[in-house]
Protein backbone atom coordinates (compact mmCIF):
# COMPACT_ATOMS: atom_id res chain seq x y z
CA UNK A 1 68.68 40.86 -23.60
CA UNK A 2 65.58 42.78 -24.28
CA UNK A 3 63.86 39.79 -25.90
CA UNK A 4 63.39 38.44 -22.31
CA UNK A 5 60.46 40.88 -21.92
CA UNK A 6 58.63 39.06 -24.63
CA UNK A 7 59.02 35.55 -23.12
CA UNK A 8 56.21 35.78 -20.47
CA UNK A 9 53.86 36.70 -23.24
CA UNK A 10 55.08 34.16 -25.79
CA UNK A 11 55.57 31.08 -23.62
CA UNK A 12 52.06 30.67 -22.34
CA UNK A 13 50.59 31.41 -25.84
CA UNK A 14 52.88 28.78 -27.46
CA UNK A 15 52.05 26.32 -24.64
CA UNK A 16 48.39 26.97 -25.08
CA UNK A 17 48.56 26.07 -28.77
CA UNK A 18 50.53 22.90 -27.84
CA UNK A 19 47.87 21.92 -25.39
CA UNK A 20 45.02 22.67 -27.80
CA UNK A 21 46.35 21.44 -31.09
CA UNK A 22 48.32 18.37 -30.03
CA UNK A 23 45.67 17.23 -27.50
CA UNK A 24 48.00 15.65 -24.95
CA UNK A 25 46.66 13.17 -22.38
CA UNK A 26 45.32 14.38 -19.03
CA UNK A 27 48.46 14.09 -16.90
CA UNK A 28 50.76 15.49 -19.67
CA UNK A 29 48.38 18.38 -20.27
CA UNK A 30 48.32 19.24 -16.56
CA UNK A 31 52.08 19.10 -16.46
CA UNK A 32 52.37 21.58 -19.32
CA UNK A 33 49.83 23.95 -17.82
CA UNK A 34 51.33 23.91 -14.33
CA UNK A 35 54.95 24.19 -15.53
CA UNK A 36 54.02 27.10 -17.89
CA UNK A 37 52.34 29.24 -15.22
CA UNK A 38 55.17 28.56 -12.63
CA UNK A 39 57.89 29.35 -15.18
CA UNK A 40 56.06 32.50 -16.14
CA UNK A 41 56.05 33.75 -12.58
CA UNK A 42 59.79 33.31 -12.41
CA UNK A 43 60.24 35.08 -15.68
CA UNK A 44 58.17 38.03 -14.50
CA UNK A 45 60.08 38.23 -11.23
CA UNK A 46 63.34 38.21 -13.26
CA UNK A 47 62.09 41.09 -15.36
CA UNK A 48 60.96 42.95 -12.28
CA UNK A 49 64.36 42.58 -10.58
CA UNK A 50 66.83 42.98 -13.50
CA UNK A 51 65.09 44.54 -16.54
CA UNK A 52 64.77 48.22 -15.69
CA UNK A 53 63.46 50.61 -18.50
CA UNK A 54 63.83 47.71 -20.98
CA UNK A 55 62.37 48.58 -24.42
CA UNK A 56 61.53 45.86 -26.96
CA UNK A 57 60.12 46.76 -30.35
CA UNK A 58 57.74 44.16 -31.79
CA UNK A 59 56.80 45.93 -35.04
CA UNK A 60 56.79 49.47 -36.41
CA UNK A 61 54.74 50.24 -39.51
CA UNK A 62 54.40 53.97 -38.97
CA UNK A 63 54.21 56.40 -36.04
CA UNK A 64 50.67 55.27 -35.09
CA UNK A 65 51.24 51.48 -35.51
CA UNK A 66 54.33 51.33 -33.40
CA UNK A 67 54.03 48.33 -31.15
CA UNK A 68 56.56 47.88 -28.30
CA UNK A 69 56.93 46.67 -24.75
CA UNK A 70 58.46 48.75 -21.97
CA UNK A 71 57.58 47.53 -18.44
CA UNK A 72 57.60 50.20 -15.71
CA UNK A 73 56.96 49.83 -12.01
CA UNK A 74 53.14 49.89 -12.42
CA UNK A 75 53.23 47.38 -15.26
CA UNK A 76 55.59 45.11 -13.34
CA UNK A 77 53.38 45.11 -10.25
CA UNK A 78 50.40 44.22 -12.34
CA UNK A 79 52.33 41.44 -14.07
CA UNK A 80 53.36 39.91 -10.71
CA UNK A 81 49.74 39.96 -9.58
CA UNK A 82 48.59 38.27 -12.83
CA UNK A 83 51.29 35.57 -12.95
CA UNK A 84 51.08 34.76 -9.23
CA UNK A 85 47.27 34.37 -9.16
CA UNK A 86 47.36 32.40 -12.36
CA UNK A 87 49.23 29.67 -10.58
CA UNK A 88 46.56 29.49 -7.87
CA UNK A 89 43.91 29.37 -10.48
CA UNK A 90 45.79 26.56 -12.43
CA UNK A 91 45.82 24.18 -9.53
CA UNK A 92 42.15 24.99 -8.68
CA UNK A 93 41.11 24.59 -12.34
CA UNK A 94 42.64 21.09 -12.62
CA UNK A 95 40.46 19.83 -9.86
CA UNK A 96 37.38 21.85 -10.74
CA UNK A 97 37.32 21.01 -14.46
CA UNK A 98 37.86 17.31 -13.98
CA UNK A 99 39.62 14.70 -16.09
CA UNK A 100 37.92 15.09 -19.47
CA UNK A 101 40.35 15.01 -22.33
CA UNK A 102 37.96 17.32 -24.18
CA UNK A 103 39.10 20.13 -21.93
CA UNK A 104 42.26 20.67 -23.94
CA UNK A 105 40.64 23.50 -25.77
CA UNK A 106 39.67 25.13 -22.40
CA UNK A 107 43.23 25.04 -21.15
CA UNK A 108 44.50 26.28 -24.52
CA UNK A 109 42.58 29.50 -24.17
CA UNK A 110 43.32 29.63 -20.53
CA UNK A 111 47.00 29.79 -21.15
CA UNK A 112 46.70 32.19 -24.08
CA UNK A 113 44.78 34.55 -21.85
CA UNK A 114 47.61 34.69 -19.37
CA UNK A 115 50.06 35.71 -22.20
CA UNK A 116 47.70 38.35 -23.55
CA UNK A 117 47.09 39.83 -20.12
CA UNK A 118 50.82 40.08 -19.48
CA UNK A 119 51.08 41.87 -22.84
CA UNK A 120 48.68 44.49 -21.46
CA UNK A 121 50.83 44.77 -18.36
CA UNK A 122 54.08 45.23 -20.34
CA UNK A 123 52.69 47.45 -23.16
CA UNK A 124 54.81 50.63 -23.79
CA UNK A 125 52.19 52.73 -25.47
CA UNK A 126 48.47 52.99 -25.91
CA UNK A 127 48.19 51.33 -29.34
CA UNK A 128 50.06 48.27 -28.05
CA UNK A 129 47.85 48.08 -24.99
CA UNK A 130 44.84 48.42 -27.37
CA UNK A 131 46.00 45.47 -29.48
CA UNK A 132 46.40 43.10 -26.54
CA UNK A 133 43.14 44.50 -25.07
CA UNK A 134 41.27 43.32 -28.21
CA UNK A 135 43.03 39.99 -28.12
CA UNK A 136 41.93 39.51 -24.53
CA UNK A 137 38.28 39.66 -25.69
CA UNK A 138 38.95 37.01 -28.32
CA UNK A 139 40.86 34.67 -25.95
CA UNK A 140 38.40 34.88 -23.04
CA UNK A 141 35.27 34.54 -25.23
CA UNK A 142 35.71 30.67 -25.63
CA UNK A 143 36.19 30.45 -21.85
CA UNK A 144 32.95 32.23 -21.19
CA UNK A 145 30.92 29.92 -23.51
CA UNK A 146 32.83 26.75 -22.37
CA UNK A 147 29.68 24.95 -21.21
CA UNK A 148 28.14 25.33 -24.72
CA UNK A 149 24.56 25.78 -23.36
CA UNK A 150 22.07 28.22 -24.77
CA UNK A 151 22.54 30.43 -21.73
CA UNK A 152 26.34 30.36 -22.11
CA UNK A 153 26.12 31.27 -25.83
CA UNK A 154 23.81 34.19 -25.00
CA UNK A 155 26.23 35.37 -22.31
CA UNK A 156 29.11 35.04 -24.77
CA UNK A 157 27.24 37.06 -27.45
CA UNK A 158 26.45 39.77 -24.85
CA UNK A 159 30.09 39.86 -23.77
CA UNK A 160 31.31 40.33 -27.36
CA UNK A 161 28.78 43.05 -28.13
CA UNK A 162 29.70 45.07 -25.11
CA UNK A 163 33.42 44.55 -25.49
CA UNK A 164 33.49 45.51 -29.16
CA UNK A 165 31.26 48.50 -28.48
CA UNK A 166 33.78 49.69 -25.87
CA UNK A 167 36.64 48.97 -28.16
CA UNK A 168 35.11 51.06 -30.88
CA UNK A 169 34.94 54.02 -28.60
CA UNK A 170 38.56 53.52 -27.50
CA UNK A 171 39.71 53.35 -31.16
CA UNK A 172 37.97 56.58 -32.01
CA UNK A 173 39.54 58.21 -28.97
CA UNK A 174 42.99 56.94 -29.96
CA UNK A 175 42.72 58.29 -33.52
CA UNK A 176 41.53 61.66 -32.30
CA UNK A 177 44.35 61.81 -29.74
CA UNK A 178 47.05 60.78 -32.15
CA UNK A 179 45.83 63.38 -34.69
CA UNK A 180 46.76 66.05 -32.16
CA UNK A 181 49.81 64.70 -30.32
CA UNK A 182 51.42 62.26 -32.80
CA UNK A 183 52.40 60.41 -29.61
CA UNK A 184 50.74 57.55 -27.71
CA UNK A 185 53.60 56.69 -25.35
CA UNK A 186 53.15 56.09 -21.63
CA UNK A 187 54.81 58.99 -19.92
CA UNK A 188 54.24 60.04 -16.29
CA UNK A 189 51.98 63.13 -16.51
CA UNK A 190 50.87 62.35 -20.04
CA UNK A 191 51.85 63.47 -23.59
CA UNK A 192 49.31 66.22 -24.11
CA UNK A 193 50.72 69.05 -22.00
CA UNK A 194 49.94 72.54 -23.18
CA UNK A 195 48.25 71.29 -26.34
CA UNK A 196 45.02 71.09 -24.34
CA UNK A 197 44.75 74.89 -24.20
CA UNK A 198 44.32 74.99 -28.05
CA UNK A 199 41.38 72.56 -28.16
CA UNK A 200 39.76 71.86 -24.83
CA UNK A 201 36.60 70.37 -26.26
CA UNK A 202 38.43 67.92 -28.40
CA UNK A 203 40.42 66.60 -25.51
CA UNK A 204 37.21 66.36 -23.46
CA UNK A 205 35.74 64.16 -26.17
CA UNK A 206 38.93 62.02 -26.27
CA UNK A 207 38.83 61.56 -22.51
CA UNK A 208 35.18 60.59 -22.45
CA UNK A 209 35.58 58.12 -25.29
CA UNK A 210 38.59 56.46 -23.71
CA UNK A 211 37.11 56.42 -20.22
CA UNK A 212 33.70 55.04 -21.33
CA UNK A 213 35.36 52.61 -23.76
CA UNK A 214 37.81 51.09 -21.32
CA UNK A 215 35.06 51.40 -18.64
CA UNK A 216 33.08 48.68 -20.45
CA UNK A 217 35.55 46.01 -19.36
CA UNK A 218 35.82 47.62 -15.94
CA UNK A 219 32.02 47.14 -15.60
CA UNK A 220 31.28 50.85 -15.33
CA UNK A 221 27.61 51.56 -14.86
CA UNK A 222 25.70 51.59 -17.31
CA UNK A 223 27.98 49.20 -19.20
CA UNK A 224 28.04 46.55 -16.51
CA UNK A 225 25.37 43.99 -17.29
CA UNK A 226 27.69 41.67 -19.34
CA UNK A 227 29.58 40.79 -16.10
CA UNK A 228 26.73 39.08 -14.10
CA UNK A 229 25.65 37.34 -17.38
CA UNK A 230 29.18 35.90 -17.79
CA UNK A 231 28.80 34.04 -14.48
CA UNK A 232 27.48 31.14 -16.48
CA UNK A 233 31.09 30.30 -17.16
CA UNK A 234 33.01 27.81 -14.97
CA UNK A 235 34.12 29.23 -11.59
CA UNK A 236 37.87 29.37 -12.49
CA UNK A 237 36.83 31.54 -15.48
CA UNK A 238 34.65 33.67 -13.30
CA UNK A 239 37.64 34.13 -10.94
CA UNK A 240 39.84 35.19 -13.85
CA UNK A 241 37.21 37.52 -15.19
CA UNK A 242 36.66 39.25 -11.86
CA UNK A 243 40.02 39.11 -10.10
CA UNK A 244 42.79 39.00 -12.62
CA UNK A 245 42.30 39.31 -16.32
CA UNK A 246 39.33 41.15 -17.89
CA UNK A 247 38.01 43.71 -15.34
CA UNK A 248 41.50 44.43 -13.90
CA UNK A 249 42.79 44.99 -17.48
CA UNK A 250 40.03 47.50 -17.95
CA UNK A 251 41.04 49.27 -14.69
CA UNK A 252 44.71 49.07 -15.65
CA UNK A 253 43.93 50.55 -19.06
CA UNK A 254 41.99 53.38 -17.46
CA UNK A 255 44.89 54.15 -15.12
CA UNK A 256 47.32 54.22 -18.11
CA UNK A 257 45.02 56.58 -20.03
CA UNK A 258 44.38 58.92 -17.08
CA UNK A 259 47.96 59.29 -15.70
CA UNK A 260 50.31 58.24 -18.45
CA UNK A 261 48.60 59.34 -21.75
CA UNK A 262 46.31 62.37 -21.26
CA UNK A 263 47.52 63.34 -17.78
CA UNK A 264 45.37 64.27 -14.82
CA UNK A 265 45.96 68.00 -15.20
CA UNK A 266 44.65 67.93 -18.78
CA UNK A 267 41.54 65.96 -17.64
CA UNK A 268 41.08 68.37 -14.80
CA UNK A 269 41.26 71.35 -17.17
CA UNK A 270 38.63 69.86 -19.47
CA UNK A 271 36.41 69.11 -16.50
CA UNK A 272 35.72 65.58 -17.82
CA UNK A 273 36.26 63.94 -14.44
CA UNK A 274 33.21 65.75 -13.11
CA UNK A 275 31.04 63.78 -15.43
CA UNK A 276 32.78 60.44 -14.83
CA UNK A 277 32.72 60.93 -11.06
CA UNK A 278 28.93 60.70 -11.22
CA UNK A 279 29.14 57.36 -13.01
CA UNK A 280 31.82 56.04 -10.65
CA UNK A 281 29.80 56.87 -7.55
CA UNK A 282 26.74 55.34 -9.16
CA UNK A 283 28.77 52.21 -9.88
CA UNK A 284 29.81 51.87 -6.24
CA UNK A 285 26.32 52.19 -4.80
CA UNK A 286 24.40 50.39 -7.56
CA UNK A 287 26.70 47.37 -7.56
CA UNK A 288 26.41 46.96 -3.76
CA UNK A 289 22.61 47.52 -3.79
CA UNK A 290 22.06 44.94 -6.56
CA UNK A 291 24.34 42.40 -4.88
CA UNK A 292 22.07 42.33 -1.75
CA UNK A 293 19.15 41.19 -3.84
CA UNK A 294 20.89 38.16 -5.48
CA UNK A 295 20.16 34.69 -4.13
CA UNK A 296 22.60 33.01 -6.48
CA UNK A 297 26.07 33.14 -4.85
CA UNK A 298 28.10 33.75 -7.93
CA UNK A 299 25.80 36.53 -9.13
CA UNK A 300 26.05 38.13 -5.65
CA UNK A 301 29.82 38.21 -6.04
CA UNK A 302 29.53 39.46 -9.57
CA UNK A 303 27.55 42.54 -8.48
CA UNK A 304 30.00 42.96 -5.70
CA UNK A 305 32.81 43.21 -8.23
CA UNK A 306 31.02 46.07 -10.02
CA UNK A 307 30.84 48.02 -6.76
CA UNK A 308 34.40 47.31 -5.77
CA UNK A 309 35.77 48.32 -9.09
CA UNK A 310 34.11 51.66 -8.52
CA UNK A 311 36.49 52.17 -5.58
CA UNK A 312 39.43 51.85 -7.90
CA UNK A 313 37.94 54.15 -10.45
CA UNK A 314 37.57 56.80 -7.69
CA UNK A 315 41.35 57.20 -7.82
CA UNK A 316 41.06 58.01 -11.47
CA UNK A 317 38.69 60.91 -11.17
CA UNK A 318 39.62 62.73 -7.89
CA UNK A 319 43.27 63.30 -8.68
CA UNK A 320 45.01 63.16 -5.24
CA UNK A 321 48.14 61.20 -4.49
CA UNK A 322 46.53 59.47 -1.48
CA UNK A 323 43.60 58.42 -3.68
CA UNK A 324 46.00 57.13 -6.29
CA UNK A 325 47.78 54.98 -3.75
CA UNK A 326 44.44 53.72 -2.35
CA UNK A 327 43.05 52.99 -5.80
CA UNK A 328 46.08 50.99 -6.87
CA UNK A 329 46.17 49.17 -3.58
CA UNK A 330 42.51 48.32 -3.96
CA UNK A 331 43.06 46.98 -7.42
CA UNK A 332 45.63 44.56 -6.05
CA UNK A 333 43.75 43.70 -2.80
CA UNK A 334 40.43 43.24 -4.52
CA UNK A 335 42.14 40.66 -6.81
CA UNK A 336 43.35 38.52 -3.98
CA UNK A 337 40.16 38.86 -2.01
CA UNK A 338 37.71 38.25 -4.87
CA UNK A 339 39.53 35.26 -6.20
CA UNK A 340 39.38 33.75 -2.67
CA UNK A 341 35.63 34.34 -2.55
CA UNK A 342 35.03 32.84 -5.98
CA UNK A 343 37.18 29.81 -5.21
CA UNK A 344 35.12 29.18 -2.01
CA UNK A 345 31.84 29.52 -3.76
CA UNK A 346 33.15 27.33 -6.61
CA UNK A 347 34.12 24.61 -4.12
CA UNK A 348 30.54 24.64 -2.66
CA UNK A 349 29.11 24.36 -6.15
CA UNK A 350 31.45 21.55 -7.23
CA UNK A 351 31.31 19.40 -4.18
CA UNK A 352 27.93 20.17 -2.67
CA UNK A 353 26.05 21.08 -5.86
CA UNK A 354 24.57 24.16 -4.14
CA UNK A 355 24.33 27.53 -5.85
CA UNK A 356 21.76 29.50 -3.81
CA UNK A 357 22.06 31.27 -0.45
CA UNK A 358 19.12 29.35 0.96
CA UNK A 359 20.75 26.04 0.14
CA UNK A 360 23.97 26.44 2.22
CA UNK A 361 22.47 26.42 5.70
CA UNK A 362 24.92 24.72 8.00
CA UNK A 363 27.56 24.17 5.31
CA UNK A 364 30.14 25.75 7.51
CA UNK A 365 30.14 22.56 9.61
CA UNK A 366 30.80 20.43 6.52
CA UNK A 367 33.36 22.66 4.96
CA UNK A 368 34.84 24.63 7.88
CA UNK A 369 38.17 25.51 6.30
CA UNK A 370 36.48 26.67 3.07
CA UNK A 371 33.99 28.85 4.93
CA UNK A 372 36.51 30.31 7.38
CA UNK A 373 38.54 31.34 4.35
CA UNK A 374 35.35 32.82 2.80
CA UNK A 375 34.74 34.76 6.04
CA UNK A 376 38.31 36.07 6.17
CA UNK A 377 38.03 37.32 2.56
CA UNK A 378 34.57 38.83 3.35
CA UNK A 379 35.95 40.89 6.26
CA UNK A 380 38.75 42.12 3.97
CA UNK A 381 36.21 43.22 1.33
CA UNK A 382 34.05 44.98 3.86
CA UNK A 383 37.18 46.85 5.04
CA UNK A 384 37.24 45.85 8.74
CA UNK A 385 40.52 46.94 10.41
CA UNK A 386 43.21 45.70 10.14
CA UNK A 387 42.50 43.97 6.85
CA UNK A 388 43.97 44.89 3.48
CA UNK A 389 40.56 46.29 2.42
CA UNK A 390 40.60 48.75 5.20
CA UNK A 391 44.07 50.00 4.17
CA UNK A 392 43.03 50.81 0.64
CA UNK A 393 39.71 52.32 1.49
CA UNK A 394 41.46 54.48 4.16
CA UNK A 395 43.72 55.99 1.48
CA UNK A 396 40.80 56.61 -0.88
CA UNK A 397 38.89 58.41 1.92
CA UNK A 398 41.92 60.52 2.71
CA UNK A 399 42.20 61.40 -0.93
CA UNK A 400 38.56 62.52 -1.02
CA UNK A 401 39.02 64.64 2.06
CA UNK A 402 42.26 66.22 0.70
CA UNK A 403 40.28 67.32 -2.36
CA UNK A 404 37.60 68.79 -0.01
CA UNK A 405 34.96 66.39 -1.26
CA UNK A 406 33.20 65.05 1.86
CA UNK A 407 30.71 63.11 -0.17
CA UNK A 408 33.42 60.48 -1.12
CA UNK A 409 34.13 59.12 2.42
CA UNK A 410 30.39 59.11 3.04
CA UNK A 411 29.83 57.03 -0.13
CA UNK A 412 32.64 54.69 0.87
CA UNK A 413 31.21 54.16 4.34
CA UNK A 414 27.71 53.64 2.94
CA UNK A 415 29.04 51.06 0.50
CA UNK A 416 30.87 49.28 3.31
CA UNK A 417 27.57 48.79 5.05
CA UNK A 418 26.08 47.39 1.82
CA UNK A 419 29.05 45.13 1.40
CA UNK A 420 28.48 43.74 4.89
CA UNK A 421 24.74 43.38 4.04
CA UNK A 422 25.46 41.03 1.15
CA UNK A 423 28.42 39.05 2.62
CA UNK A 424 27.49 38.62 6.29
CA UNK A 425 24.26 36.69 5.42
CA UNK A 426 26.35 34.12 3.58
CA UNK A 427 28.55 33.58 6.60
CA UNK A 428 25.67 33.53 9.10
CA UNK A 429 23.71 31.08 6.88
CA UNK A 430 26.65 28.77 6.59
CA UNK A 431 27.64 28.71 10.29
CA UNK A 432 24.50 29.47 12.32
CA UNK A 433 21.60 28.04 10.35
CA UNK A 434 20.53 24.46 9.94
CA UNK A 435 19.85 21.79 12.54
CA UNK A 436 22.47 22.21 15.34
CA UNK A 437 21.83 18.71 16.80
CA UNK A 438 22.45 16.98 13.45
CA UNK A 439 25.75 15.23 13.13
CA UNK A 440 27.55 16.23 9.89
CA UNK A 441 30.63 14.76 8.26
CA UNK A 442 33.45 17.14 7.43
CA UNK A 443 33.93 17.03 3.62
CA UNK A 444 36.40 19.66 2.44
CA UNK A 445 37.58 19.99 -1.25
CA UNK A 446 40.58 18.05 -2.40
CA UNK A 447 43.97 19.64 -1.85
CA UNK A 448 44.32 20.97 -5.40
CA UNK A 449 41.28 23.13 -4.62
CA UNK A 450 41.63 23.67 -0.85
CA UNK A 451 45.28 24.64 -0.66
CA UNK A 452 44.93 27.64 -3.01
CA UNK A 453 41.87 28.78 -0.95
CA UNK A 454 43.67 28.63 2.33
CA UNK A 455 46.91 30.19 1.00
CA UNK A 456 45.04 33.10 -0.54
CA UNK A 457 43.13 33.71 2.72
CA UNK A 458 46.48 33.84 4.48
CA UNK A 459 47.84 36.24 1.88
CA UNK A 460 44.93 38.54 2.49
CA UNK A 461 45.63 38.65 6.15
CA UNK A 462 49.40 39.23 5.68
CA UNK A 463 48.76 42.10 3.27
CA UNK A 464 46.56 43.74 5.82
CA UNK A 465 49.25 43.60 8.56
CA UNK A 466 52.24 44.41 6.29
CA UNK A 467 51.13 46.68 3.45
CA UNK A 468 54.01 49.20 3.68
CA UNK A 469 56.23 47.71 0.97
CA UNK A 470 53.39 47.95 -1.48
CA UNK A 471 52.37 51.47 -0.28
CA UNK A 472 56.00 52.70 -0.71
CA UNK A 473 56.23 51.23 -4.17
CA UNK A 474 52.97 52.86 -5.32
CA UNK A 475 53.76 56.13 -3.52
CA UNK A 476 57.03 56.39 -5.49
CA UNK A 477 55.03 56.36 -8.74
CA UNK A 478 52.49 58.82 -7.29
CA UNK A 479 55.29 61.26 -6.50
CA UNK A 480 56.13 61.43 -10.21
CA UNK A 481 52.53 62.07 -11.18
CA UNK A 482 51.40 64.75 -8.72
């Protein structure tokens, strides 16, 4: 039945309200949270395997407010990523957040956010995606301000201002687009077609409004500063913000808009991608450059995310099938890599109470498994062969060369050096600094935190050696678009 498509969205939302409103005891709460995320993964896999071209109408008020779900291959891939990484984050969060019964509200919004993010993945048109996109801001805001400190409240306020500013631009873009096309559906190649020839400037304005609006959550420069500020949130929230939910939803929405609503040929005709390419390249370089100058480990990773998201956005502005494959691969690979890095840093903060680079000298001896996992993820992010990061960046570079733009591979190579410059010092400080003669006691995180870290590091290695199944899946979609 088509209603099955709605279940992965409804179940975590309902479970979240049960956790938050009924305030179950610690063990019962954890059972609900763990069970919900595991069941959701199986539901998503069921939909991926057996629900092809399934359409589920939620509500239809008129042609504009027509809300429905229709998972395609891209949406299903994103949904698997979300539901799988949510399980890792669940186990990690239970150890990290502790045993306080007052955390029921945290886990309520934690589960609701999963349902909303899957709503973004399964949305069948732009207005449905926009609805879930706005709900994502509301569900993640309490997670950002969870600590309740003055700094957290400032970060939350900043997050709301930036998010609603971007959402306003998106809404204007949607209204302008609908006034011309009367259609907001996701169709390979877009819904505009030859209409662009009648009003080139209007569609240029629509494109820029949508790209900049969705670009806010994707941390596009100059709308990026909310992301480092949000690092005041607990580490599991930071991992979700950077690896799974918020920034990836922004990237996913940009991909939908570019290839399934406007269409890359329409954007290319308007010339809008020439303007956004400048911002994307600036995002890649500026994020890397700023990351080098951060002493705080979480902020270093935050600026890294800004840079790495720029890689994905490259695929949305250079319009080559190789770049599309590379961009989508990097969206997936960056999620598994960055969540590993945040989990490692979070373990250091939680067990060692250290937050700065200068404080972790020799910590590789105390937490060898954690720091080896950090090193593996770092090499993936740098793009050293044969890691998964190398695979995605290779496709992006080929896409730039296919377009005849030699600046793109040069920027990618330069950014790789910057990436090494802000990650290698963390590794070298952890393993090669400190008193070598001093005996240290190995003190790794508990299994609820350590096992997800090790498994994710292993997944990153496996994806580097065996990426072909993912490449073939994404290439099949690219063949329909180009």
